[in-house]
Protein backbone atom coordinates (compact mmCIF):
# COMPACT_ATOMS: atom_id res chain seq x y z
CA MET A 1 15.39 28.16 -3.73
CA THR A 2 14.62 26.45 -7.00
CA SER A 3 14.40 27.46 -10.60
CA THR A 4 12.83 25.95 -13.67
CA ASP A 5 15.97 25.84 -15.79
CA THR A 6 15.76 23.19 -18.50
CA LYS A 7 19.51 22.54 -18.68
CA PRO A 8 21.59 20.70 -16.10
CA ALA A 9 23.57 23.11 -13.94
CA ASP A 10 27.27 23.25 -13.16
CA ASN A 11 27.85 20.66 -10.44
CA ASP A 12 30.35 22.95 -8.70
CA THR A 13 27.76 25.62 -7.98
CA ALA A 14 24.31 24.12 -8.42
CA LEU A 15 22.53 20.81 -8.21
CA THR A 16 20.14 19.65 -10.93
CA SER A 17 17.03 17.77 -9.91
CA VAL A 18 15.64 15.37 -12.51
CA ASN A 19 12.71 13.02 -12.94
CA PRO A 20 14.21 9.51 -12.58
CA ALA A 21 11.68 8.03 -15.01
CA THR A 22 12.26 10.49 -17.85
CA GLY A 23 15.45 12.40 -17.09
CA GLU A 24 13.51 15.65 -17.35
CA VAL A 25 15.01 18.53 -15.37
CA ILE A 26 12.70 19.56 -12.54
CA GLY A 27 14.76 22.40 -11.08
CA THR A 28 18.15 23.53 -9.87
CA HIS A 29 19.36 24.33 -6.38
CA PRO A 30 22.46 26.26 -5.29
CA ILE A 31 25.01 24.01 -3.61
CA ALA A 32 25.93 24.99 -0.07
CA ASP A 33 29.70 25.00 0.41
CA GLU A 34 31.39 24.78 3.82
CA ALA A 35 30.94 28.48 4.52
CA ALA A 36 27.25 28.37 3.58
CA VAL A 37 26.69 25.34 5.81
CA ARG A 38 28.33 27.07 8.77
CA ALA A 39 26.22 30.14 8.12
CA ALA A 40 23.06 28.00 8.15
CA VAL A 41 24.07 26.40 11.44
CA ALA A 42 24.76 29.85 12.89
CA LYS A 43 21.30 30.98 11.78
CA ALA A 44 19.75 27.91 13.39
CA ARG A 45 21.76 28.59 16.55
CA ALA A 46 20.34 32.11 16.74
CA ALA A 47 16.79 30.81 16.17
CA ALA A 48 17.27 28.18 18.89
CA ALA A 49 17.13 30.91 21.52
CA THR A 50 13.52 31.63 20.52
CA TRP A 51 12.35 28.12 19.63
CA GLY A 52 13.95 26.45 22.65
CA ALA A 53 12.41 29.01 25.01
CA LEU A 54 8.86 28.14 23.91
CA ASN A 55 6.94 25.72 26.10
CA TYR A 56 5.75 22.37 24.79
CA ASP A 57 2.23 23.59 24.09
CA GLU A 58 3.51 26.53 22.07
CA ARG A 59 5.78 24.31 20.00
CA LYS A 60 2.89 21.89 19.50
CA THR A 61 0.84 24.72 18.01
CA HIS A 62 3.58 25.56 15.50
CA LEU A 63 4.15 21.92 14.55
CA LEU A 64 0.45 21.28 13.98
CA ARG A 65 0.24 24.42 11.84
CA TRP A 66 3.03 22.90 9.77
CA SER A 67 0.97 19.72 9.38
CA SER A 68 -2.06 21.72 8.30
CA GLN A 69 0.04 23.56 5.72
CA LEU A 70 1.31 20.26 4.30
CA VAL A 71 -2.27 19.00 4.06
CA ALA A 72 -3.36 22.19 2.29
CA ASP A 73 -0.49 21.80 -0.18
CA SER A 74 -0.70 18.01 -0.43
CA ASP A 75 -1.67 17.82 -4.10
CA GLU A 76 1.28 19.97 -5.12
CA PHE A 77 3.61 18.18 -2.72
CA CYS A 78 2.61 14.69 -3.85
CA ALA A 79 3.03 15.71 -7.48
CA LEU A 80 6.57 16.85 -6.64
CA ILE A 81 7.31 13.60 -4.80
CA HIS A 82 6.06 11.64 -7.81
CA ALA A 83 8.13 13.71 -10.22
CA GLU A 84 11.38 13.84 -8.26
CA ASN A 85 11.33 10.47 -6.50
CA GLY A 86 9.34 8.47 -9.05
CA LYS A 87 6.88 6.72 -6.75
CA PRO A 88 3.19 6.63 -7.72
CA LEU A 89 0.96 9.43 -6.49
CA ASP A 90 -0.92 7.13 -4.11
CA ASP A 91 2.36 6.01 -2.52
CA ALA A 92 3.46 9.64 -2.24
CA PHE A 93 0.23 10.46 -0.40
CA LEU A 94 0.63 7.48 1.94
CA GLU A 95 4.17 8.59 2.75
CA LEU A 96 2.95 12.10 3.54
CA MET A 97 0.12 10.69 5.65
CA LEU A 98 2.54 8.68 7.78
CA ALA A 99 4.82 11.71 8.20
CA LEU A 100 1.83 13.74 9.40
CA GLU A 101 1.00 11.02 11.93
CA HIS A 102 4.50 11.24 13.35
CA ILE A 103 4.52 15.05 13.48
CA ALA A 104 1.24 14.93 15.42
CA TRP A 105 2.51 12.25 17.81
CA ALA A 106 5.74 14.08 18.57
CA ALA A 107 3.97 17.41 18.99
CA LYS A 108 1.31 16.00 21.31
CA ASN A 109 3.54 13.70 23.39
CA ALA A 110 6.70 15.77 23.89
CA LYS A 111 5.28 17.42 27.02
CA LYS A 112 4.42 14.11 28.65
CA VAL A 113 7.69 12.39 27.73
CA LEU A 114 10.11 15.25 28.36
CA SER A 115 8.53 17.16 31.25
CA PRO A 116 10.56 17.27 34.52
CA LYS A 117 10.38 14.10 36.59
CA LYS A 118 10.81 13.84 40.35
CA VAL A 119 13.32 11.27 41.59
CA SER A 120 13.58 9.67 45.01
CA PRO A 121 16.72 11.01 46.75
CA GLY A 122 17.30 7.84 48.78
CA ALA A 123 17.66 7.30 52.51
CA PHE A 124 20.95 9.15 53.03
CA MET A 125 19.95 12.21 50.98
CA ALA A 126 16.39 12.52 52.30
CA ASN A 127 16.82 16.23 52.94
CA PHE A 128 17.19 16.80 49.20
CA ALA A 129 14.65 17.10 46.41
CA ALA A 130 15.80 15.43 43.18
CA ARG A 131 14.54 15.88 39.65
CA VAL A 132 15.52 15.26 36.04
CA GLU A 133 14.76 17.95 33.49
CA GLN A 134 15.17 17.57 29.73
CA ARG A 135 16.96 20.29 27.79
CA PRO A 136 17.06 20.73 24.01
CA LEU A 137 20.41 19.83 22.50
CA GLY A 138 20.49 23.02 20.44
CA VAL A 139 20.98 22.56 16.69
CA VAL A 140 20.39 19.15 15.13
CA GLY A 141 21.81 18.32 11.71
CA VAL A 142 19.79 15.86 9.63
CA ILE A 143 21.06 14.14 6.48
CA GLY A 144 18.13 12.49 4.76
CA PRO A 145 17.61 9.68 2.24
CA TRP A 146 16.00 9.71 -1.19
CA ASN A 147 13.83 6.60 -0.95
CA TYR A 148 11.32 7.98 1.58
CA PRO A 149 12.30 11.65 1.41
CA VAL A 150 9.47 12.91 3.65
CA TYR A 151 8.64 10.13 6.07
CA THR A 152 12.15 8.98 7.00
CA PRO A 153 13.93 12.27 7.74
CA ASN A 154 10.83 13.50 9.53
CA GLY A 155 11.49 10.80 12.14
CA SER A 156 14.40 13.02 13.16
CA ILE A 157 13.14 16.46 12.09
CA GLY A 158 9.70 16.34 13.70
CA TYR A 159 10.93 14.81 16.94
CA ALA A 160 13.95 17.14 17.20
CA LEU A 161 11.70 20.17 16.73
CA ALA A 162 9.18 18.89 19.29
CA ALA A 163 12.01 18.48 21.81
CA GLY A 164 12.95 22.15 21.35
CA ASN A 165 15.83 21.96 18.89
CA THR A 166 16.28 23.80 15.63
CA VAL A 167 17.12 21.73 12.55
CA VAL A 168 19.45 22.10 9.58
CA PHE A 169 18.38 19.53 7.00
CA LYS A 170 20.51 18.32 4.10
CA PRO A 171 18.13 16.38 1.81
CA SER A 172 19.47 13.81 -0.63
CA GLU A 173 20.70 15.18 -3.93
CA PHE A 174 18.02 12.94 -5.50
CA SER A 175 15.17 14.57 -3.52
CA THR A 176 16.35 18.12 -2.94
CA GLY A 177 13.15 19.77 -4.13
CA ILE A 178 11.11 17.60 -1.77
CA GLY A 179 13.31 18.51 1.21
CA ASN A 180 13.07 22.22 0.43
CA PHE A 181 9.29 21.99 0.05
CA LEU A 182 9.08 20.41 3.50
CA ALA A 183 11.10 23.21 5.12
CA ASP A 184 9.38 25.95 3.14
CA ALA A 185 5.99 24.66 4.34
CA PHE A 186 7.15 25.03 7.96
CA ALA A 187 8.19 28.65 7.37
CA LYS A 188 4.99 29.37 5.44
CA ALA A 189 2.87 28.00 8.29
CA ASN A 190 4.81 29.91 10.96
CA PRO A 191 5.70 33.38 9.61
CA ASP A 192 6.04 34.75 13.16
CA LEU A 193 9.02 32.50 13.94
CA PRO A 194 12.59 33.61 13.20
CA GLU A 195 14.25 32.16 10.11
CA GLY A 196 16.41 29.20 11.02
CA VAL A 197 14.08 27.05 13.12
CA PHE A 198 13.99 24.53 10.26
CA ILE A 199 16.13 25.22 7.20
CA THR A 200 17.83 23.25 4.45
CA VAL A 201 21.29 23.15 2.92
CA ASN A 202 21.52 21.60 -0.54
CA GLY A 203 24.30 19.64 -2.15
CA TYR A 204 26.13 16.37 -2.56
CA GLY A 205 28.30 14.41 -0.13
CA ALA A 206 30.64 17.36 0.52
CA THR A 207 27.71 19.40 1.85
CA GLY A 208 26.75 16.59 4.19
CA ALA A 209 30.36 16.24 5.35
CA ALA A 210 30.46 19.98 6.03
CA LEU A 211 27.29 19.71 8.12
CA VAL A 212 28.85 16.99 10.28
CA LYS A 213 31.74 19.33 11.13
CA ALA A 214 29.78 22.58 11.34
CA GLY A 215 29.24 22.54 15.09
CA VAL A 216 25.82 20.88 15.29
CA ASP A 217 24.90 19.37 18.64
CA LYS A 218 23.78 16.07 17.13
CA LEU A 219 23.80 14.56 13.66
CA ALA A 220 21.03 12.24 12.45
CA PHE A 221 21.81 10.31 9.29
CA THR A 222 19.87 7.86 7.14
CA GLY A 223 21.72 6.02 4.39
CA SER A 224 24.21 3.27 3.73
CA THR A 225 26.21 1.61 6.48
CA ALA A 226 29.50 2.54 4.79
CA THR A 227 28.59 6.24 4.71
CA GLY A 228 27.25 6.03 8.26
CA LYS A 229 30.60 4.76 9.48
CA ARG A 230 32.41 7.62 7.77
CA ILE A 231 30.03 10.14 9.33
CA MET A 232 30.51 8.61 12.76
CA ALA A 233 34.30 8.80 12.41
CA ALA A 234 34.13 12.44 11.31
CA ALA A 235 31.71 13.33 14.11
CA ALA A 236 34.04 11.72 16.66
CA GLU A 237 36.61 14.48 16.07
CA ASN A 238 34.36 16.88 18.00
CA LEU A 239 32.54 14.21 20.04
CA THR A 240 29.35 15.10 18.16
CA PRO A 241 26.76 12.43 19.01
CA VAL A 242 25.18 10.63 16.09
CA LEU A 243 21.98 8.79 15.29
CA LEU A 244 22.46 6.38 12.39
CA GLU A 245 19.68 4.59 10.51
CA CYS A 246 21.57 2.48 8.02
CA GLY A 247 21.06 -0.56 5.83
CA GLY A 248 18.84 -3.57 6.23
CA LYS A 249 18.47 -7.09 4.88
CA ASP A 250 15.17 -7.82 6.48
CA ALA A 251 13.88 -11.36 6.79
CA VAL A 252 10.37 -12.79 6.89
CA ILE A 253 9.73 -16.14 8.55
CA VAL A 254 6.76 -18.10 7.22
CA ALA A 255 6.01 -20.90 9.67
CA GLY A 256 4.18 -24.11 8.88
CA ASP A 257 0.99 -22.80 10.49
CA ALA A 258 1.02 -19.48 8.62
CA ASP A 259 -1.84 -18.05 6.61
CA VAL A 260 0.01 -18.67 3.36
CA LYS A 261 -2.05 -16.39 1.16
CA ALA A 262 -1.74 -13.49 3.60
CA ALA A 263 2.00 -14.08 3.94
CA ALA A 264 2.49 -14.21 0.17
CA ASP A 265 0.47 -11.04 -0.33
CA ALA A 266 2.55 -9.18 2.28
CA VAL A 267 5.88 -10.46 0.95
CA ALA A 268 4.98 -9.57 -2.64
CA TRP A 269 4.18 -6.01 -1.61
CA GLY A 270 7.00 -5.65 0.94
CA ALA A 271 9.63 -6.78 -1.56
CA THR A 272 8.58 -4.60 -4.50
CA ALA A 273 6.77 -1.51 -3.15
CA ASN A 274 8.74 1.65 -3.86
CA SER A 275 10.70 -0.46 -6.37
CA GLY A 276 12.15 -2.37 -3.42
CA GLN A 277 13.92 0.78 -2.26
CA THR A 278 12.90 0.34 1.36
CA CYS A 279 15.44 -0.15 4.13
CA ALA A 280 12.90 -2.15 6.13
CA GLY A 281 11.40 -3.86 3.08
CA VAL A 282 11.34 -7.61 2.53
CA GLU A 283 14.62 -8.93 1.11
CA ARG A 284 14.81 -12.50 2.46
CA VAL A 285 12.12 -15.10 3.21
CA TYR A 286 12.53 -18.35 5.14
CA VAL A 287 9.53 -20.59 4.57
CA ASP A 288 8.73 -23.93 6.18
CA ARG A 289 9.01 -26.87 3.78
CA SER A 290 5.43 -27.93 4.46
CA VAL A 291 4.03 -24.75 2.88
CA ARG A 292 6.91 -23.86 0.58
CA ASP A 293 5.40 -24.80 -2.78
CA GLU A 294 2.07 -23.13 -2.06
CA PHE A 295 3.81 -19.98 -0.83
CA VAL A 296 6.18 -19.64 -3.80
CA ALA A 297 3.35 -20.24 -6.25
CA GLU A 298 1.21 -17.58 -4.57
CA VAL A 299 4.00 -14.97 -4.53
CA LYS A 300 4.68 -15.65 -8.21
CA LYS A 301 0.99 -15.39 -9.10
CA ILE A 302 0.72 -11.99 -7.39
CA LEU A 303 3.90 -10.50 -8.83
CA GLU A 304 3.18 -11.69 -12.36
CA LYS A 305 0.47 -9.03 -12.38
CA VAL A 306 2.65 -6.31 -10.90
CA GLY A 307 4.96 -4.02 -12.82
CA PRO A 308 6.80 -0.71 -12.71
CA GLY A 309 6.14 2.45 -14.67
CA SER A 310 5.51 6.16 -14.47
CA GLY A 311 1.82 6.10 -15.36
CA ALA A 312 -1.20 6.10 -13.09
CA ASP A 313 -1.60 2.31 -13.34
CA ALA A 314 1.98 1.46 -12.29
CA ALA A 315 2.39 -0.55 -9.09
CA TYR A 316 5.71 1.12 -8.39
CA GLY A 317 8.05 3.57 -10.07
CA PRO A 318 11.60 3.69 -11.41
CA MET A 319 14.83 3.22 -9.55
CA THR A 320 15.49 6.65 -8.08
CA MET A 321 19.28 6.40 -7.95
CA PRO A 322 20.73 5.20 -11.30
CA SER A 323 23.80 3.53 -9.78
CA GLN A 324 21.56 1.19 -7.77
CA VAL A 325 20.42 -0.51 -10.98
CA ASP A 326 23.85 -2.12 -11.46
CA ILE A 327 23.84 -3.40 -7.87
CA VAL A 328 20.45 -5.06 -8.34
CA ARG A 329 21.59 -6.67 -11.57
CA ARG A 330 24.77 -7.94 -9.93
CA HIS A 331 22.84 -9.47 -7.04
CA ILE A 332 20.47 -11.28 -9.39
CA GLU A 333 23.40 -12.70 -11.34
CA SER A 334 25.18 -13.68 -8.11
CA ALA A 335 22.10 -15.53 -6.90
CA LEU A 336 21.83 -17.55 -10.09
CA LYS A 337 25.54 -18.36 -10.09
CA ASN A 338 25.27 -19.60 -6.51
CA GLY A 339 22.63 -22.25 -7.04
CA GLY A 340 19.52 -20.11 -6.98
CA THR A 341 16.61 -20.43 -9.37
CA ALA A 342 14.56 -17.56 -10.72
CA VAL A 343 10.89 -18.54 -10.65
CA LEU A 344 9.95 -15.08 -11.84
CA GLY A 345 12.11 -12.66 -13.80
CA GLY A 346 15.90 -12.62 -13.94
CA PRO A 347 18.69 -10.45 -15.33
CA ASP A 348 16.47 -9.47 -18.26
CA SER A 349 14.04 -7.89 -15.77
CA VAL A 350 16.47 -5.02 -15.36
CA LYS A 351 15.35 -2.42 -17.89
CA ALA A 352 16.72 0.81 -16.45
CA PRO A 353 15.33 2.93 -15.01
CA PHE A 354 12.71 0.25 -14.30
CA ILE A 355 13.17 -3.23 -12.85
CA GLU A 356 10.43 -5.83 -13.04
CA PRO A 357 9.81 -8.13 -10.03
CA VAL A 358 12.33 -10.94 -9.53
CA VAL A 359 11.72 -13.97 -7.28
CA LEU A 360 14.76 -16.15 -6.49
CA VAL A 361 14.46 -19.44 -4.61
CA ASP A 362 16.96 -21.46 -2.57
CA VAL A 363 19.89 -19.14 -3.16
CA ASP A 364 23.16 -19.95 -1.37
CA GLU A 365 23.30 -17.99 1.88
CA LYS A 366 26.80 -16.75 0.99
CA SER A 367 25.56 -15.07 -2.16
CA GLU A 368 25.56 -11.27 -2.41
CA ALA A 369 21.83 -11.51 -2.97
CA VAL A 370 21.45 -12.82 0.59
CA GLN A 371 24.33 -11.10 2.37
CA GLU A 372 24.15 -7.54 1.04
CA GLU A 373 21.34 -5.00 0.81
CA THR A 374 19.88 -5.23 -2.71
CA PHE A 375 17.46 -2.30 -2.53
CA GLY A 376 15.51 -3.38 -5.58
CA PRO A 377 12.25 -5.23 -6.40
CA THR A 378 13.72 -8.68 -5.76
CA VAL A 379 13.30 -11.28 -3.04
CA THR A 380 15.05 -14.51 -2.11
CA ILE A 381 13.00 -17.40 -0.71
CA ARG A 382 14.73 -20.27 1.08
CA THR A 383 13.16 -23.53 2.21
CA VAL A 384 13.74 -24.44 5.88
CA ASP A 385 12.92 -27.40 8.08
CA GLY A 386 11.24 -25.67 10.97
CA VAL A 387 11.32 -22.43 12.92
CA ASP A 388 14.69 -23.06 14.58
CA GLU A 389 16.48 -23.13 11.24
CA ALA A 390 14.55 -20.08 10.06
CA VAL A 391 15.51 -18.08 13.17
CA GLU A 392 19.16 -19.09 12.89
CA LEU A 393 19.34 -18.01 9.25
CA ALA A 394 17.42 -14.80 9.85
CA ASN A 395 19.81 -13.85 12.66
CA SER A 396 22.94 -14.69 10.67
CA SER A 397 22.93 -11.35 8.84
CA LYS A 398 25.25 -8.49 9.83
CA TYR A 399 22.17 -6.28 9.56
CA GLY A 400 19.43 -6.18 12.16
CA LEU A 401 16.91 -3.52 11.22
CA SER A 402 13.51 -5.21 11.21
CA SER A 403 11.67 -8.39 10.32
CA ALA A 404 8.29 -10.09 10.02
CA VAL A 405 6.83 -13.39 11.18
CA TYR A 406 3.81 -15.27 9.86
CA SER A 407 2.39 -17.86 12.25
CA LYS A 408 -1.14 -18.35 13.54
CA LYS A 409 -0.08 -19.66 16.96
CA ASN A 410 3.56 -18.76 17.65
CA GLY A 411 4.17 -15.41 15.98
CA LEU A 412 5.04 -13.49 19.13
CA ALA A 413 7.29 -16.23 20.48
CA ILE A 414 9.21 -16.37 17.19
CA ALA A 415 9.46 -12.58 17.03
CA ARG A 416 11.14 -12.47 20.45
CA ARG A 417 13.98 -14.65 19.15
CA LEU A 418 14.97 -12.30 16.34
CA HIS A 419 18.00 -10.01 16.75
CA VAL A 420 16.47 -6.90 15.21
CA GLY A 421 15.06 -3.54 16.20
CA ALA A 422 11.45 -4.20 15.16
CA THR A 423 9.19 -7.05 14.09
CA SER A 424 5.72 -7.24 12.58
CA VAL A 425 3.68 -10.36 13.32
CA ASN A 426 1.29 -11.45 10.57
CA SER A 427 2.04 -8.21 8.73
CA VAL A 428 5.00 -6.36 7.25
CA LEU A 429 6.24 -2.87 8.15
CA ALA A 430 3.36 -2.24 10.58
CA PHE A 431 5.77 -0.96 13.24
CA ALA A 432 6.80 1.92 10.96
CA ALA A 433 3.22 3.17 10.78
CA ILE A 434 2.71 3.26 14.57
CA PRO A 435 4.19 6.54 15.87
CA GLY A 436 4.57 5.34 19.44
CA LEU A 437 6.92 2.51 18.46
CA PRO A 438 10.65 3.32 18.25
CA PHE A 439 12.42 2.48 15.01
CA GLY A 440 16.07 1.60 14.50
CA GLY A 441 18.38 -1.35 14.18
CA VAL A 442 21.27 -3.29 15.64
CA GLY A 443 24.59 -4.31 14.12
CA ASP A 444 25.31 -2.69 10.76
CA SER A 445 21.78 -1.31 10.67
CA GLY A 446 22.69 1.59 12.90
CA ILE A 447 22.71 3.29 16.27
CA GLY A 448 19.87 5.00 18.14
CA ARG A 449 16.13 5.22 17.62
CA ILE A 450 13.65 7.50 15.91
CA HIS A 451 9.91 7.60 16.69
CA GLY A 452 8.12 7.05 19.96
CA GLU A 453 9.39 8.06 23.40
CA PRO A 454 12.99 6.98 22.64
CA GLY A 455 12.84 9.11 19.50
CA LEU A 456 12.02 12.22 21.54
CA ARG A 457 14.72 11.43 24.12
CA GLU A 458 17.30 11.11 21.33
CA PHE A 459 17.03 14.88 20.90
CA ALA A 460 17.05 15.96 24.54
CA ARG A 461 19.78 16.27 27.17
CA PRO A 462 18.93 15.06 30.69
CA HIS A 463 19.83 17.59 33.37
CA SER A 464 19.94 16.20 36.92
CA ILE A 465 19.17 18.67 39.70
CA ALA A 466 19.49 18.09 43.46
CA VAL A 467 18.09 20.80 45.76
CA GLN A 468 18.82 20.75 49.48
CA ARG A 469 15.53 21.48 51.20
CA PHE A 470 16.92 21.74 54.74
CA ALA A 471 20.14 21.04 56.63
CA ILE A 472 20.51 18.30 59.23
CA PRO A 473 23.04 19.22 61.90
CA GLY A 474 25.98 16.83 61.89
CA MET A 475 24.66 15.04 58.79
CA ALA A 476 26.47 17.10 56.16
CA LEU A 477 27.88 14.04 54.42
CA LEU A 478 29.38 16.05 51.57
CA SER A 479 31.35 18.29 53.90
CA TYR A 480 34.32 18.20 56.29
CA SER A 481 31.89 19.24 59.02
CA ARG A 482 30.44 15.77 59.35
CA THR A 483 30.98 14.26 62.79
CA GLN A 484 32.32 10.95 64.02
CA SER A 485 28.99 10.23 65.67
CA THR A 486 27.38 10.56 62.26
CA MET A 487 29.86 8.08 60.80
CA LYS A 488 29.17 5.60 63.65
CA LEU A 489 25.47 5.90 62.91
CA LEU A 490 26.07 5.28 59.21
CA ARG A 491 28.11 2.16 59.94
CA LYS A 492 25.14 0.78 61.85
CA LEU A 493 22.58 1.79 59.23
CA VAL A 494 24.38 0.50 56.14
CA PRO A 495 24.30 -3.19 57.15
CA PHE A 496 20.65 -2.78 58.11
CA LEU A 497 19.73 -1.19 54.75
CA HIS A 498 22.00 -3.06 52.35
CA GLY A 499 23.50 -6.07 54.12
CA ARG A 500 20.49 -8.38 54.44
CA ASN A 501 19.99 -9.34 50.81
CA LYS A 502 21.27 -12.95 50.88
């Protein structure tokens, strides 16, 4: 699927993958046009007959073989992630490790979560047996992001496969080689399966748009809210259901009783890890006035020693998508124009493709730096007078992906007041590393959930079945043969069963 050409390819026919730190060409990939996308979906549809017919234990075996293959090839894979995405090798390995955890969880729990369940038929249908069985949807289309090109799309891929679906995956144009490696490893680990159980289509936005309209049974997308809305509108033409994991502007609340050093350490990492290119990373902090000075000083002290680069000693890598650099710069400038103060870094920290850490304090809440997703190694810190103000400000965002709370005594109570999909208490991003917890947002952060039991159910279709076990003479309620004596009996029973609830 890839070549080692050293010259950029024609964008009409092939996609060039480059190292974001150096601009070096890593490989080229043929672009899938509309016909090629439809052919891939057709291939996945044919493979679905085999994959969907396997039982849960058989699919578990194939998925765990895939995991083992990824472990065997982990050095090569992590080197590719480092080269194509830019993140340090250790971060690449951690991302792979988390993806493996989720593959294992989905593979081992699909049977328990999706096996047929008996349902009580109720008093009036007591002669029936009722059950709900889960069916695979068929072919699931996945459009993945570039910031976590293994972990994030796997929240859809691994769970969709475990539920019995085949998958057509369109990786980001900035991580195409990584996406192909992931799919190739599945095929390599399972040579006995038909081609098409898990395959990729490569390209830019037009390829993704073609996948939305190619007849998939569900489309899972991770990316910007604006693109997510366009995908949802396009999918609506065929009533194709969608799962959208979109933007975030995640807040951290640091209460007066917080462990300040622990909170500062977590915020410093959560705001700058992966060059801040984390949808659930730390973007906003609301810190109680009583600990504000200590907290800001501690964050600054930590981040003064942290910097980007492409070498082994770099804390984080380059900006993967070049156009994001201008957005980060604009947000920093907006923050400073709107009353904010840079206690660390500033506009001069932007040295594309790298951006040094930037800490902005008491920025106006109407600033772009507070309202819009920055997706860079920056953080805004605002002083508040108590938890109530912090909660109000945290909830004022149009986004609602995730959050974190630091409080020794009231962390859980504060977390319950936040209008988000996930919260870590006295930690950041912990929920993303626990496979059994669902992940997804509210508001402009998206629709649906990946991970955990809800993540498996996202890729299954409930089928309700009622089986008449025996007939009761005169009690055929769903028939013209029912008798008046039956109706008289029902009129007596209904008040007895349902009319005494005052």
